[in-house]
C-alpha atoms as a PDB file:
ATOM      1  CA  MET A   1      -5.700 -11.345  -3.518  1.00  0.00           C
ATOM      2  CA  ASP A   2      -2.522 -13.237  -4.303  1.00  0.00           C
ATOM      3  CA  GLN A   3       0.517 -10.872  -3.812  1.00  0.00           C
ATOM      4  CA  THR A   4       3.139 -13.358  -4.727  1.00  0.00           C
ATOM      5  CA  PHE A   5       5.849 -11.872  -6.910  1.00  0.00           C
ATOM      6  CA  HIS A   6       6.506 -13.260 -10.358  1.00  0.00           C
ATOM      7  CA  ILE A   7       8.964 -12.363 -13.198  1.00  0.00           C
ATOM      8  CA  ALA A   8       8.700 -13.562 -16.774  1.00  0.00           C
ATOM      9  CA  GLU A   9      10.781 -12.747 -19.774  1.00  0.00           C
ATOM     10  CA  ASP A  10       9.645 -12.591 -23.420  1.00  0.00           C
ATOM     11  CA  ASP A  11      12.414 -12.573 -25.991  1.00  0.00           C
ATOM     12  CA  SER A  12      10.233 -13.017 -29.048  1.00  0.00           C
ATOM     13  CA  ARG A  13      10.038  -9.343 -29.892  1.00  0.00           C
ATOM     14  CA  SER A  14      12.680  -6.910 -31.241  1.00  0.00           C
ATOM     15  CA  VAL A  15      13.555  -6.067 -27.587  1.00  0.00           C
ATOM     16  CA  PRO A  16      13.224  -8.263 -24.606  1.00  0.00           C
ATOM     17  CA  VAL A  17      10.154  -7.697 -22.342  1.00  0.00           C
ATOM     18  CA  VAL A  18      10.452  -8.382 -18.653  1.00  0.00           C
ATOM     19  CA  SER A  19       7.014  -8.655 -16.931  1.00  0.00           C
ATOM     20  CA  ALA A  20       6.646  -8.345 -13.183  1.00  0.00           C
ATOM     21  CA  ALA A  21       3.576  -9.158 -11.184  1.00  0.00           C
ATOM     22  CA  GLY A  22       2.689  -8.749  -7.486  1.00  0.00           C
ATOM     23  CA  GLU A  23       4.549  -6.637  -4.977  1.00  0.00           C
ATOM     24  CA  ILE A  24       8.091  -5.349  -5.600  1.00  0.00           C
ATOM     25  CA  ASP A  25       9.822  -4.508  -2.340  1.00  0.00           C
ATOM     26  CA  VAL A  26      12.941  -5.116  -0.420  1.00  0.00           C
ATOM     27  CA  ALA A  27      12.320  -8.823  -0.363  1.00  0.00           C
ATOM     28  CA  THR A  28      11.338  -9.302  -3.960  1.00  0.00           C
ATOM     29  CA  ALA A  29      13.376  -6.729  -5.876  1.00  0.00           C
ATOM     30  CA  PRO A  30      16.620  -8.643  -6.030  1.00  0.00           C
ATOM     31  CA  PRO A  31      15.457 -11.215  -8.688  1.00  0.00           C
ATOM     32  CA  LEU A  32      14.155  -8.276 -10.859  1.00  0.00           C
ATOM     33  CA  ARG A  33      17.485  -6.547 -10.472  1.00  0.00           C
ATOM     34  CA  ASP A  34      19.378  -9.706 -11.331  1.00  0.00           C
ATOM     35  CA  ARG A  35      17.238 -10.340 -14.435  1.00  0.00           C
ATOM     36  CA  LEU A  36      17.704  -6.780 -15.750  1.00  0.00           C
ATOM     37  CA  GLN A  37      21.471  -6.865 -14.992  1.00  0.00           C
ATOM     38  CA  ALA A  38      21.753 -10.177 -16.872  1.00  0.00           C
ATOM     39  CA  LEU A  39      20.086  -8.782 -19.865  1.00  0.00           C
ATOM     40  CA  THR A  40      22.268  -5.618 -20.028  1.00  0.00           C
ATOM     41  CA  ALA A  41      25.359  -7.667 -19.293  1.00  0.00           C
ATOM     42  CA  SER A  42      24.505  -9.828 -22.360  1.00  0.00           C
ATOM     43  CA  GLY A  43      24.484  -6.828 -24.622  1.00  0.00           C
ATOM     44  CA  ARG A  44      20.730  -5.966 -24.539  1.00  0.00           C
ATOM     45  CA  SER A  45      20.822  -2.153 -24.238  1.00  0.00           C
ATOM     46  CA  THR A  46      17.059  -1.678 -24.357  1.00  0.00           C
ATOM     47  CA  VAL A  47      14.645  -3.705 -22.263  1.00  0.00           C
ATOM     48  CA  VAL A  48      10.884  -3.074 -21.792  1.00  0.00           C
ATOM     49  CA  VAL A  49       9.627  -3.636 -18.268  1.00  0.00           C
ATOM     50  CA  ASP A  50       5.936  -4.562 -18.079  1.00  0.00           C
ATOM     51  CA  LEU A  51       4.640  -3.477 -14.668  1.00  0.00           C
ATOM     52  CA  LEU A  52       0.942  -3.990 -15.545  1.00  0.00           C
ATOM     53  CA  GLY A  53       0.646  -6.807 -12.900  1.00  0.00           C
ATOM     54  CA  VAL A  54       2.406  -4.914 -10.165  1.00  0.00           C
ATOM     55  CA  THR A  55       0.250  -4.069  -7.162  1.00  0.00           C
ATOM     56  CA  PHE A  56       2.829  -2.327  -5.000  1.00  0.00           C
ATOM     57  CA  LEU A  57       6.399  -1.027  -5.320  1.00  0.00           C
ATOM     58  CA  ASP A  58       8.679   0.565  -2.807  1.00  0.00           C
ATOM     59  CA  SER A  59      11.864   2.593  -2.890  1.00  0.00           C
ATOM     60  CA  THR A  60      13.958  -0.495  -3.453  1.00  0.00           C
ATOM     61  CA  ALA A  61      11.959  -1.261  -6.541  1.00  0.00           C
ATOM     62  CA  LEU A  62      12.473   2.309  -7.847  1.00  0.00           C
ATOM     63  CA  GLY A  63      16.151   1.964  -7.125  1.00  0.00           C
ATOM     64  CA  VAL A  64      16.312  -1.245  -9.149  1.00  0.00           C
ATOM     65  CA  LEU A  65      14.578   0.395 -12.140  1.00  0.00           C
ATOM     66  CA  VAL A  66      16.690   3.587 -11.959  1.00  0.00           C
ATOM     67  CA  GLY A  67      19.911   1.464 -11.875  1.00  0.00           C
ATOM     68  CA  ALA A  68      18.685  -0.556 -14.870  1.00  0.00           C
ATOM     69  CA  LEU A  69      17.873   2.630 -16.769  1.00  0.00           C
ATOM     70  CA  LYS A  70      21.313   3.937 -16.105  1.00  0.00           C
ATOM     71  CA  ARG A  71      22.856   0.792 -17.411  1.00  0.00           C
ATOM     72  CA  CYS A  72      20.640   0.833 -20.455  1.00  0.00           C
ATOM     73  CA  ARG A  73      21.357   4.429 -21.378  1.00  0.00           C
ATOM     74  CA  GLU A  74      25.150   3.993 -20.856  1.00  0.00           C
ATOM     75  CA  SER A  75      24.843   1.378 -23.586  1.00  0.00           C
ATOM     76  CA  GLY A  76      22.943   3.664 -25.877  1.00  0.00           C
ATOM     77  CA  GLY A  77      19.556   2.114 -25.101  1.00  0.00           C
ATOM     78  CA  ASP A  78      16.563   2.747 -22.875  1.00  0.00           C
ATOM     79  CA  LEU A  79      14.200   1.191 -20.304  1.00  0.00           C
ATOM     80  CA  PRO A  80      10.605   1.905 -21.341  1.00  0.00           C
ATOM     81  CA  LEU A  81       8.079   1.026 -18.643  1.00  0.00           C
ATOM     82  CA  VAL A  82       4.486  -0.201 -19.067  1.00  0.00           C
ATOM     83  CA  ILE A  83       2.217   1.114 -16.352  1.00  0.00           C
ATOM     84  CA  THR A  84      -1.482   1.820 -16.173  1.00  0.00           C
ATOM     85  CA  GLU A  85      -2.318   1.275 -12.521  1.00  0.00           C
ATOM     86  CA  PRO A  86      -3.031   4.710 -11.068  1.00  0.00           C
ATOM     87  CA  ARG A  87      -1.450   3.944  -7.678  1.00  0.00           C
ATOM     88  CA  ILE A  88       1.818   2.827  -9.321  1.00  0.00           C
ATOM     89  CA  LEU A  89       1.829   5.773 -11.714  1.00  0.00           C
ATOM     90  CA  LYS A  90       1.306   8.124  -8.731  1.00  0.00           C
ATOM     91  CA  VAL A  91       4.616   6.814  -7.149  1.00  0.00           C
ATOM     92  CA  PHE A  92       6.457   7.678 -10.414  1.00  0.00           C
ATOM     93  CA  GLU A  93       4.743  11.111 -10.505  1.00  0.00           C
ATOM     94  CA  ILE A  94       5.470  11.937  -6.792  1.00  0.00           C
ATOM     95  CA  THR A  95       9.135  11.009  -7.268  1.00  0.00           C
ATOM     96  CA  GLY A  96       9.533  12.812 -10.549  1.00  0.00           C
ATOM     97  CA  LEU A  97      10.373   9.696 -12.420  1.00  0.00           C
ATOM     98  CA  THR A  98       7.686  10.264 -15.020  1.00  0.00           C
ATOM     99  CA  ASP A  99      10.206  12.804 -16.405  1.00  0.00           C
ATOM    100  CA  VAL A 100      12.956  10.195 -16.405  1.00  0.00           C
ATOM    101  CA  PHE A 101      11.353   6.981 -17.631  1.00  0.00           C
ATOM    102  CA  PRO A 102       9.418   6.572 -20.963  1.00  0.00           C
ATOM    103  CA  ILE A 103       6.051   5.282 -19.712  1.00  0.00           C
ATOM    104  CA  HIS A 104       3.515   3.553 -21.970  1.00  0.00           C
ATOM    105  CA  ALA A 105       0.075   2.017 -21.587  1.00  0.00           C
ATOM    106  CA  THR A 106       0.760  -1.228 -23.478  1.00  0.00           C
ATOM    107  CA  VAL A 107       3.681  -3.507 -24.171  1.00  0.00           C
ATOM    108  CA  ASP A 108       3.093  -3.061 -27.947  1.00  0.00           C
ATOM    109  CA  GLU A 109       3.308   0.703 -27.557  1.00  0.00           C
ATOM    110  CA  ALA A 110       6.574   0.461 -25.452  1.00  0.00           C
ATOM    111  CA  VAL A 111       8.196  -1.989 -27.918  1.00  0.00           C
ATOM    112  CA  GLY A 112       7.146   0.170 -30.887  1.00  0.00           C
ATOM    113  CA  SER A 113       8.704   3.278 -29.298  1.00  0.00           C
ATOM    114  CA  VAL A 114      12.103   1.627 -29.401  1.00  0.00           C
ATOM    115  CA  ALA A 115      12.003  -0.783 -32.358  1.00  0.00           C
END
């Protein structure tokens, strides 16, 4: 299985959607952080993060997402996540982050929740 990390951005919806695929860890998290920081710095207060293609994430990835959520909420926005993979959801459940992040099953649902 290819675990190469990829990021894509879709700006065709009412809010930007950043999609990540592969493993997000200490080595691959910085590009995701940079992309999310660039969006919030450009005035986008809400960003949907699609994690459907993510196969693994570590505490560094969680830190990137929590930091981005903080920046979004400070600007009056939010950071909905799209997650269906049980192993990834479990990480959010164990850490209590399911109570912090709005989590959705589809990108359309996530975009609709903030549009």
